[in-house]
Amino acid sequence: MVKPIIAPSLLAGDFANLGCDCHRMFDCGSDWVHLDVMDGHFVPNITMGPPIISSLRKSVPRDELNPGKFFFDCHMMVSNPEQWVPEIANAGGDQYTFHYESTKNPLNLVKLIKENGMKAACAIKPGTNVDVLFDLAPHLDMALIMTVEPGFGGQKFMANMMPKVEELRKRFPNLNIQVDGGLGKGTVEIAAEAGANVIVAGTSVFKATDPSQMIEYLRNEVQKNLVKRGIDE
């Protein structure tokens, strides 16, 4: 059983006010915040790293009475992802999503992530076949299907990635399946119907007149499709 999870991407926020934006997203009803870490090598862009995540965690501390609240979903678009596991854990990351394309031994990396007290997730680029996740998925907390090329926000949603989501959902009905890139009204419906339950949304939430209404819309679209499949919590 899975539940709808909405994770606004701070990549679409104001980098001079990330702490405020983080609080605002949680106040608007988001389940997680999505933190895009880019190294300028694995992808042609540079964003935040452990020092910024550490500062955000100080601004938005974990709620000891409600584990899982104020969840930091760290999407690691980096080469040598093994190097950054302890750093992200110490900075306050809750989930570490590495790219399958960036490591030679994904299973060992999953073990390392969990040894450092984080949930482990694996992402694949649009050009990577979904079958690379089949043996790994039983060890994962989440799989991420990229619906844009990783590296920049504001790209157009690639609907032709949805068969990957459908295949994963068919094989792993209780796995968190995330989609990232171009999600909002007009595209979340497609992703939800394919079986995605974790929605990363940047521009559509941050530029919305009422972000809370957009988050509610995204959640409702996911929920009704999970109910239709009979896999909602």
C-alpha atoms as a PDB file:
ATOM      1  CA  MET A   1       0.000   0.000   0.000  1.00  0.00           C
ATOM      2  CA  VAL A   2       1.208   3.498  -0.838  1.00  0.00           C
ATOM      3  CA  LYS A   3      -0.036   7.033  -0.287  1.00  0.00           C
ATOM      4  CA  PRO A   4       0.113  10.293  -2.252  1.00  0.00           C
ATOM      5  CA  ILE A   5       3.264  12.275  -1.510  1.00  0.00           C
ATOM      6  CA  ILE A   6       3.740  15.780  -2.864  1.00  0.00           C
ATOM      7  CA  ALA A   7       7.312  17.085  -2.866  1.00  0.00           C
ATOM      8  CA  PRO A   8       7.743  20.658  -4.123  1.00  0.00           C
ATOM      9  CA  SER A   9      11.187  21.247  -5.586  1.00  0.00           C
ATOM     10  CA  LEU A  10      13.096  24.116  -4.001  1.00  0.00           C
ATOM     11  CA  LEU A  11      14.930  24.467  -7.319  1.00  0.00           C
ATOM     12  CA  ALA A  12      11.951  26.632  -8.326  1.00  0.00           C
ATOM     13  CA  GLY A  13      12.177  28.700  -5.160  1.00  0.00           C
ATOM     14  CA  ASP A  14      14.099  31.836  -4.259  1.00  0.00           C
ATOM     15  CA  PHE A  15      17.663  30.829  -3.406  1.00  0.00           C
ATOM     16  CA  ALA A  16      18.044  33.950  -1.265  1.00  0.00           C
ATOM     17  CA  ASN A  17      15.117  32.766   0.880  1.00  0.00           C
ATOM     18  CA  LEU A  18      15.239  28.976   0.800  1.00  0.00           C
ATOM     19  CA  GLY A  19      14.477  28.610   4.502  1.00  0.00           C
ATOM     20  CA  CYS A  20      11.339  30.720   4.154  1.00  0.00           C
ATOM     21  CA  ASP A  21      10.334  28.822   1.006  1.00  0.00           C
ATOM     22  CA  CYS A  22      10.837  25.515   2.794  1.00  0.00           C
ATOM     23  CA  HIS A  23       8.589  26.599   5.674  1.00  0.00           C
ATOM     24  CA  ARG A  24       6.044  27.956   3.187  1.00  0.00           C
ATOM     25  CA  MET A  25       5.791  24.653   1.324  1.00  0.00           C
ATOM     26  CA  PHE A  26       5.201  22.679   4.514  1.00  0.00           C
ATOM     27  CA  ASP A  27       2.691  25.269   5.693  1.00  0.00           C
ATOM     28  CA  CYS A  28       0.894  24.845   2.342  1.00  0.00           C
ATOM     29  CA  GLY A  29       0.530  21.114   2.938  1.00  0.00           C
ATOM     30  CA  SER A  30       3.491  19.515   1.182  1.00  0.00           C
ATOM     31  CA  ASP A  31       4.571  16.120   2.478  1.00  0.00           C
ATOM     32  CA  TRP A  32       8.242  16.512   1.574  1.00  0.00           C
ATOM     33  CA  VAL A  33      10.523  19.106   0.041  1.00  0.00           C
ATOM     34  CA  HIS A  34      12.677  17.995  -2.878  1.00  0.00           C
ATOM     35  CA  LEU A  35      16.285  19.188  -2.806  1.00  0.00           C
ATOM     36  CA  ASP A  36      18.161  19.021  -6.109  1.00  0.00           C
ATOM     37  CA  VAL A  37      21.891  18.599  -5.601  1.00  0.00           C
ATOM     38  CA  MET A  38      23.877  19.110  -8.813  1.00  0.00           C
ATOM     39  CA  ASP A  39      27.659  19.024  -9.146  1.00  0.00           C
ATOM     40  CA  GLY A  40      28.233  20.525 -12.597  1.00  0.00           C
ATOM     41  CA  HIS A  41      29.713  17.206 -13.733  1.00  0.00           C
ATOM     42  CA  PHE A  42      26.997  14.559 -13.802  1.00  0.00           C
ATOM     43  CA  VAL A  43      24.637  17.299 -15.006  1.00  0.00           C
ATOM     44  CA  PRO A  44      25.593  20.674 -16.560  1.00  0.00           C
ATOM     45  CA  ASN A  45      24.449  22.789 -13.642  1.00  0.00           C
ATOM     46  CA  ILE A  46      25.469  23.543 -10.046  1.00  0.00           C
ATOM     47  CA  THR A  47      22.944  24.070  -7.255  1.00  0.00           C
ATOM     48  CA  MET A  48      23.059  23.338  -3.543  1.00  0.00           C
ATOM     49  CA  GLY A  49      25.186  21.013  -1.456  1.00  0.00           C
ATOM     50  CA  PRO A  50      25.588  19.787   2.128  1.00  0.00           C
ATOM     51  CA  PRO A  51      26.191  23.252   3.675  1.00  0.00           C
ATOM     52  CA  ILE A  52      22.883  24.569   2.314  1.00  0.00           C
ATOM     53  CA  ILE A  53      21.007  21.421   3.343  1.00  0.00           C
ATOM     54  CA  SER A  54      22.529  21.734   6.817  1.00  0.00           C
ATOM     55  CA  SER A  55      21.357  25.352   7.038  1.00  0.00           C
ATOM     56  CA  LEU A  56      17.887  24.339   5.886  1.00  0.00           C
ATOM     57  CA  ARG A  57      17.737  21.614   8.519  1.00  0.00           C
ATOM     58  CA  LYS A  58      18.587  24.156  11.219  1.00  0.00           C
ATOM     59  CA  SER A  59      15.790  26.360   9.895  1.00  0.00           C
ATOM     60  CA  VAL A  60      13.370  23.414   9.647  1.00  0.00           C
ATOM     61  CA  PRO A  61      14.342  20.953  12.390  1.00  0.00           C
ATOM     62  CA  ARG A  62      12.886  17.477  12.528  1.00  0.00           C
ATOM     63  CA  ASP A  63       9.826  16.971  14.706  1.00  0.00           C
ATOM     64  CA  GLU A  64      10.830  14.319  17.230  1.00  0.00           C
ATOM     65  CA  LEU A  65       7.174  13.679  18.095  1.00  0.00           C
ATOM     66  CA  ASN A  66       6.238  13.160  14.451  1.00  0.00           C
ATOM     67  CA  PRO A  67       8.959  11.229  12.609  1.00  0.00           C
ATOM     68  CA  GLY A  68       8.739  11.736   8.868  1.00  0.00           C
ATOM     69  CA  LYS A  69       7.462  15.281   9.129  1.00  0.00           C
ATOM     70  CA  PHE A  70       9.649  17.969   7.488  1.00  0.00           C
ATOM     71  CA  PHE A  71      11.135  15.301   5.220  1.00  0.00           C
ATOM     72  CA  PHE A  72      14.120  16.276   3.035  1.00  0.00           C
ATOM     73  CA  ASP A  73      14.110  14.307  -0.236  1.00  0.00           C
ATOM     74  CA  CYS A  74      17.638  14.738  -1.621  1.00  0.00           C
ATOM     75  CA  HIS A  75      18.005  14.126  -5.356  1.00  0.00           C
ATOM     76  CA  MET A  76      21.717  13.608  -5.935  1.00  0.00           C
ATOM     77  CA  MET A  77      22.583  14.470  -9.530  1.00  0.00           C
ATOM     78  CA  VAL A  78      26.275  13.925  -8.873  1.00  0.00           C
ATOM     79  CA  SER A  79      29.172  11.814 -10.006  1.00  0.00           C
ATOM     80  CA  ASN A  80      30.603   9.463  -7.382  1.00  0.00           C
ATOM     81  CA  PRO A  81      27.442   9.487  -5.220  1.00  0.00           C
ATOM     82  CA  GLU A  82      29.118   7.246  -2.632  1.00  0.00           C
ATOM     83  CA  GLN A  83      31.310  10.201  -1.623  1.00  0.00           C
ATOM     84  CA  TRP A  84      28.388  12.320  -0.459  1.00  0.00           C
ATOM     85  CA  VAL A  85      26.345   9.839   1.570  1.00  0.00           C
ATOM     86  CA  PRO A  86      27.822  10.664   5.011  1.00  0.00           C
ATOM     87  CA  GLU A  87      27.806  14.389   4.211  1.00  0.00           C
ATOM     88  CA  ILE A  88      24.134  14.455   3.277  1.00  0.00           C
ATOM     89  CA  ALA A  89      23.204  12.313   6.268  1.00  0.00           C
ATOM     90  CA  ASN A  90      25.088  14.642   8.612  1.00  0.00           C
ATOM     91  CA  ALA A  91      23.488  17.673   6.937  1.00  0.00           C
ATOM     92  CA  GLY A  92      19.999  16.363   7.717  1.00  0.00           C
ATOM     93  CA  GLY A  93      18.877  14.539   4.586  1.00  0.00           C
ATOM     94  CA  ASP A  94      16.116  11.969   5.046  1.00  0.00           C
ATOM     95  CA  GLN A  95      16.232  10.229   1.670  1.00  0.00           C
ATOM     96  CA  TYR A  96      19.175   9.899  -0.692  1.00  0.00           C
ATOM     97  CA  THR A  97      18.244   9.423  -4.351  1.00  0.00           C
ATOM     98  CA  PHE A  98      21.215   8.489  -6.512  1.00  0.00           C
ATOM     99  CA  HIS A  99      21.244   8.004 -10.268  1.00  0.00           C
ATOM    100  CA  TYR A 100      21.686   4.470 -11.544  1.00  0.00           C
ATOM    101  CA  GLU A 101      23.918   5.883 -14.286  1.00  0.00           C
ATOM    102  CA  SER A 102      26.341   7.387 -11.757  1.00  0.00           C
ATOM    103  CA  THR A 103      27.509   4.277  -9.891  1.00  0.00           C
ATOM    104  CA  LYS A 104      29.084   0.918 -10.689  1.00  0.00           C
ATOM    105  CA  ASN A 105      27.581  -0.901  -7.703  1.00  0.00           C
ATOM    106  CA  PRO A 106      24.081   0.375  -6.921  1.00  0.00           C
ATOM    107  CA  LEU A 107      23.293  -2.324  -4.349  1.00  0.00           C
ATOM    108  CA  ASN A 108      26.363  -1.497  -2.264  1.00  0.00           C
ATOM    109  CA  LEU A 109      25.379   2.167  -2.465  1.00  0.00           C
ATOM    110  CA  VAL A 110      21.887   1.346  -1.200  1.00  0.00           C
ATOM    111  CA  LYS A 111      23.434  -0.460   1.765  1.00  0.00           C
ATOM    112  CA  LEU A 112      25.709   2.509   2.480  1.00  0.00           C
ATOM    113  CA  ILE A 113      22.779   4.932   2.418  1.00  0.00           C
ATOM    114  CA  LYS A 114      20.783   2.828   4.866  1.00  0.00           C
ATOM    115  CA  GLU A 115      23.800   2.361   7.134  1.00  0.00           C
ATOM    116  CA  ASN A 116      23.902   6.150   7.354  1.00  0.00           C
ATOM    117  CA  GLY A 117      20.307   6.293   8.530  1.00  0.00           C
ATOM    118  CA  MET A 118      18.599   7.500   5.351  1.00  0.00           C
ATOM    119  CA  LYS A 119      16.027   6.003   3.033  1.00  0.00           C
ATOM    120  CA  ALA A 120      17.497   4.834  -0.279  1.00  0.00           C
ATOM    121  CA  ALA A 121      16.116   5.667  -3.716  1.00  0.00           C
ATOM    122  CA  CYS A 122      17.359   5.257  -7.257  1.00  0.00           C
ATOM    123  CA  ALA A 123      16.636   7.476 -10.266  1.00  0.00           C
ATOM    124  CA  ILE A 124      16.937   6.781 -13.966  1.00  0.00           C
ATOM    125  CA  LYS A 125      17.333   9.265 -16.805  1.00  0.00           C
ATOM    126  CA  PRO A 126      14.901   9.259 -19.744  1.00  0.00           C
ATOM    127  CA  GLY A 127      17.358   7.305 -21.883  1.00  0.00           C
ATOM    128  CA  THR A 128      17.817   4.477 -19.355  1.00  0.00           C
ATOM    129  CA  ASN A 129      15.667   1.357 -19.611  1.00  0.00           C
ATOM    130  CA  VAL A 130      13.441   0.691 -16.615  1.00  0.00           C
ATOM    131  CA  ASP A 131      14.507  -2.944 -16.413  1.00  0.00           C
ATOM    132  CA  VAL A 132      17.746  -1.890 -14.696  1.00  0.00           C
ATOM    133  CA  LEU A 133      15.610  -1.262 -11.599  1.00  0.00           C
ATOM    134  CA  PHE A 134      13.893  -4.639 -11.448  1.00  0.00           C
ATOM    135  CA  ASP A 135      16.540  -6.458  -9.364  1.00  0.00           C
ATOM    136  CA  LEU A 136      17.300  -3.357  -7.297  1.00  0.00           C
ATOM    137  CA  ALA A 137      13.719  -2.328  -6.474  1.00  0.00           C
ATOM    138  CA  PRO A 138      13.160  -4.834  -3.622  1.00  0.00           C
ATOM    139  CA  HIS A 139      16.007  -3.095  -1.763  1.00  0.00           C
ATOM    140  CA  LEU A 140      14.778   0.460  -2.425  1.00  0.00           C
ATOM    141  CA  ASP A 141      12.440   2.765  -0.550  1.00  0.00           C
ATOM    142  CA  MET A 142      11.634   4.605  -3.793  1.00  0.00           C
ATOM    143  CA  ALA A 143      12.324   4.624  -7.519  1.00  0.00           C
ATOM    144  CA  LEU A 144      12.426   7.878  -9.483  1.00  0.00           C
ATOM    145  CA  ILE A 145      11.480   8.035 -13.146  1.00  0.00           C
ATOM    146  CA  MET A 146      12.777  11.271 -14.635  1.00  0.00           C
ATOM    147  CA  THR A 147      10.222  12.895 -16.928  1.00  0.00           C
ATOM    148  CA  VAL A 148      12.759  15.477 -18.125  1.00  0.00           C
ATOM    149  CA  GLU A 149      16.510  15.404 -18.661  1.00  0.00           C
ATOM    150  CA  PRO A 150      18.057  16.083 -15.244  1.00  0.00           C
ATOM    151  CA  GLY A 151      19.890  19.324 -14.661  1.00  0.00           C
ATOM    152  CA  PHE A 152      17.467  22.211 -15.049  1.00  0.00           C
ATOM    153  CA  GLY A 153      13.973  23.100 -13.843  1.00  0.00           C
ATOM    154  CA  GLY A 154      11.072  24.253 -15.971  1.00  0.00           C
ATOM    155  CA  GLN A 155      11.382  21.631 -18.707  1.00  0.00           C
ATOM    156  CA  LYS A 156       8.498  20.060 -20.611  1.00  0.00           C
ATOM    157  CA  PHE A 157       7.011  16.814 -19.262  1.00  0.00           C
ATOM    158  CA  MET A 158       7.896  13.713 -21.323  1.00  0.00           C
ATOM    159  CA  ALA A 159       4.744  11.602 -21.446  1.00  0.00           C
ATOM    160  CA  ASN A 160       6.601   8.795 -23.228  1.00  0.00           C
ATOM    161  CA  MET A 161       8.259   7.951 -19.886  1.00  0.00           C
ATOM    162  CA  MET A 162       4.957   6.713 -18.462  1.00  0.00           C
ATOM    163  CA  PRO A 163       5.321   3.084 -19.624  1.00  0.00           C
ATOM    164  CA  LYS A 164       8.281   2.878 -17.224  1.00  0.00           C
ATOM    165  CA  VAL A 165       6.049   3.968 -14.366  1.00  0.00           C
ATOM    166  CA  GLU A 166       3.338   1.515 -15.408  1.00  0.00           C
ATOM    167  CA  GLU A 167       5.791  -1.385 -15.562  1.00  0.00           C
ATOM    168  CA  LEU A 168       7.265  -0.591 -12.146  1.00  0.00           C
ATOM    169  CA  ARG A 169       3.824  -0.247 -10.571  1.00  0.00           C
ATOM    170  CA  LYS A 170       2.718  -3.572 -12.057  1.00  0.00           C
ATOM    171  CA  ARG A 171       5.779  -5.362 -10.682  1.00  0.00           C
ATOM    172  CA  PHE A 172       6.056  -3.499  -7.365  1.00  0.00           C
ATOM    173  CA  PRO A 173       2.603  -2.392  -6.213  1.00  0.00           C
ATOM    174  CA  ASN A 174       3.842  -1.235  -2.783  1.00  0.00           C
ATOM    175  CA  LEU A 175       6.887   0.739  -3.948  1.00  0.00           C
ATOM    176  CA  ASN A 176       7.024   4.518  -3.791  1.00  0.00           C
ATOM    177  CA  ILE A 177       7.348   5.608  -7.422  1.00  0.00           C
ATOM    178  CA  GLN A 178       8.333   9.214  -7.979  1.00  0.00           C
ATOM    179  CA  VAL A 179       8.140  11.303 -11.137  1.00  0.00           C
ATOM    180  CA  ASP A 180      10.105  14.517 -11.550  1.00  0.00           C
ATOM    181  CA  GLY A 181       9.900  17.096 -14.305  1.00  0.00           C
ATOM    182  CA  GLY A 182       7.134  19.240 -15.743  1.00  0.00           C
ATOM    183  CA  LEU A 183       4.433  18.118 -13.302  1.00  0.00           C
ATOM    184  CA  GLY A 184       1.340  20.268 -12.821  1.00  0.00           C
ATOM    185  CA  LYS A 185      -2.211  20.509 -14.082  1.00  0.00           C
ATOM    186  CA  GLY A 186      -2.430  18.696 -17.398  1.00  0.00           C
ATOM    187  CA  THR A 187       0.475  16.346 -16.683  1.00  0.00           C
ATOM    188  CA  VAL A 188       0.000  15.049 -13.140  1.00  0.00           C
ATOM    189  CA  GLU A 189      -3.166  13.316 -14.321  1.00  0.00           C
ATOM    190  CA  ILE A 190      -1.083  11.290 -16.807  1.00  0.00           C
ATOM    191  CA  ALA A 191       1.562  10.407 -14.225  1.00  0.00           C
ATOM    192  CA  ALA A 192      -1.006   9.457 -11.599  1.00  0.00           C
ATOM    193  CA  GLU A 193      -2.908   7.247 -14.014  1.00  0.00           C
ATOM    194  CA  ALA A 194       0.357   5.455 -14.858  1.00  0.00           C
ATOM    195  CA  GLY A 195       0.841   4.657 -11.160  1.00  0.00           C
ATOM    196  CA  ALA A 196       3.117   7.360  -9.754  1.00  0.00           C
ATOM    197  CA  ASN A 197       2.406   8.245  -6.138  1.00  0.00           C
ATOM    198  CA  VAL A 198       5.254  10.682  -5.372  1.00  0.00           C
ATOM    199  CA  ILE A 199       5.025  13.927  -7.328  1.00  0.00           C
ATOM    200  CA  VAL A 200       7.867  16.429  -7.610  1.00  0.00           C
ATOM    201  CA  ALA A 201       6.510  19.794  -8.706  1.00  0.00           C
ATOM    202  CA  GLY A 202       8.546  22.960  -8.947  1.00  0.00           C
ATOM    203  CA  THR A 203       7.293  25.758 -11.132  1.00  0.00           C
ATOM    204  CA  SER A 204       3.654  24.681 -10.980  1.00  0.00           C
ATOM    205  CA  VAL A 205       3.615  25.013  -7.186  1.00  0.00           C
ATOM    206  CA  PHE A 206       5.930  27.963  -6.653  1.00  0.00           C
ATOM    207  CA  LYS A 207       4.324  30.063  -9.389  1.00  0.00           C
ATOM    208  CA  ALA A 208       0.755  29.156  -8.404  1.00  0.00           C
ATOM    209  CA  THR A 209      -1.507  31.916  -7.130  1.00  0.00           C
ATOM    210  CA  ASP A 210      -2.320  29.607  -4.235  1.00  0.00           C
ATOM    211  CA  PRO A 211       0.357  26.910  -3.724  1.00  0.00           C
ATOM    212  CA  SER A 212      -1.806  25.098  -1.166  1.00  0.00           C
ATOM    213  CA  GLN A 213      -4.570  24.627  -3.732  1.00  0.00           C
ATOM    214  CA  MET A 214      -2.079  23.305  -6.290  1.00  0.00           C
ATOM    215  CA  ILE A 215      -0.637  20.853  -3.763  1.00  0.00           C
ATOM    216  CA  GLU A 216      -4.160  19.693  -2.908  1.00  0.00           C
ATOM    217  CA  TYR A 217      -4.962  19.232  -6.599  1.00  0.00           C
ATOM    218  CA  LEU A 218      -1.827  17.149  -7.180  1.00  0.00           C
ATOM    219  CA  ARG A 219      -2.598  15.004  -4.137  1.00  0.00           C
ATOM    220  CA  ASN A 220      -6.211  14.426  -5.144  1.00  0.00           C
ATOM    221  CA  GLU A 221      -5.203  13.292  -8.633  1.00  0.00           C
ATOM    222  CA  VAL A 222      -2.798  10.746  -7.173  1.00  0.00           C
ATOM    223  CA  GLN A 223      -5.242   9.600  -4.503  1.00  0.00           C
ATOM    224  CA  LYS A 224      -8.099   8.809  -6.864  1.00  0.00           C
ATOM    225  CA  ASN A 225      -5.819   6.705  -9.056  1.00  0.00           C
ATOM    226  CA  LEU A 226      -4.402   4.797  -6.084  1.00  0.00           C
ATOM    227  CA  VAL A 227      -7.956   4.084  -4.953  1.00  0.00           C
ATOM    228  CA  LYS A 228      -8.807   2.899  -8.458  1.00  0.00           C
ATOM    229  CA  ARG A 229      -5.883   0.473  -8.300  1.00  0.00           C
ATOM    230  CA  GLY A 230      -6.755  -0.623  -4.759  1.00  0.00           C
ATOM    231  CA  ILE A 231      -3.298   0.175  -3.409  1.00  0.00           C
ATOM    232  CA  ASP A 232      -3.998   3.305  -1.335  1.00  0.00           C
ATOM    233  CA  GLU A 233      -3.116   3.259   2.364  1.00  0.00           C
END
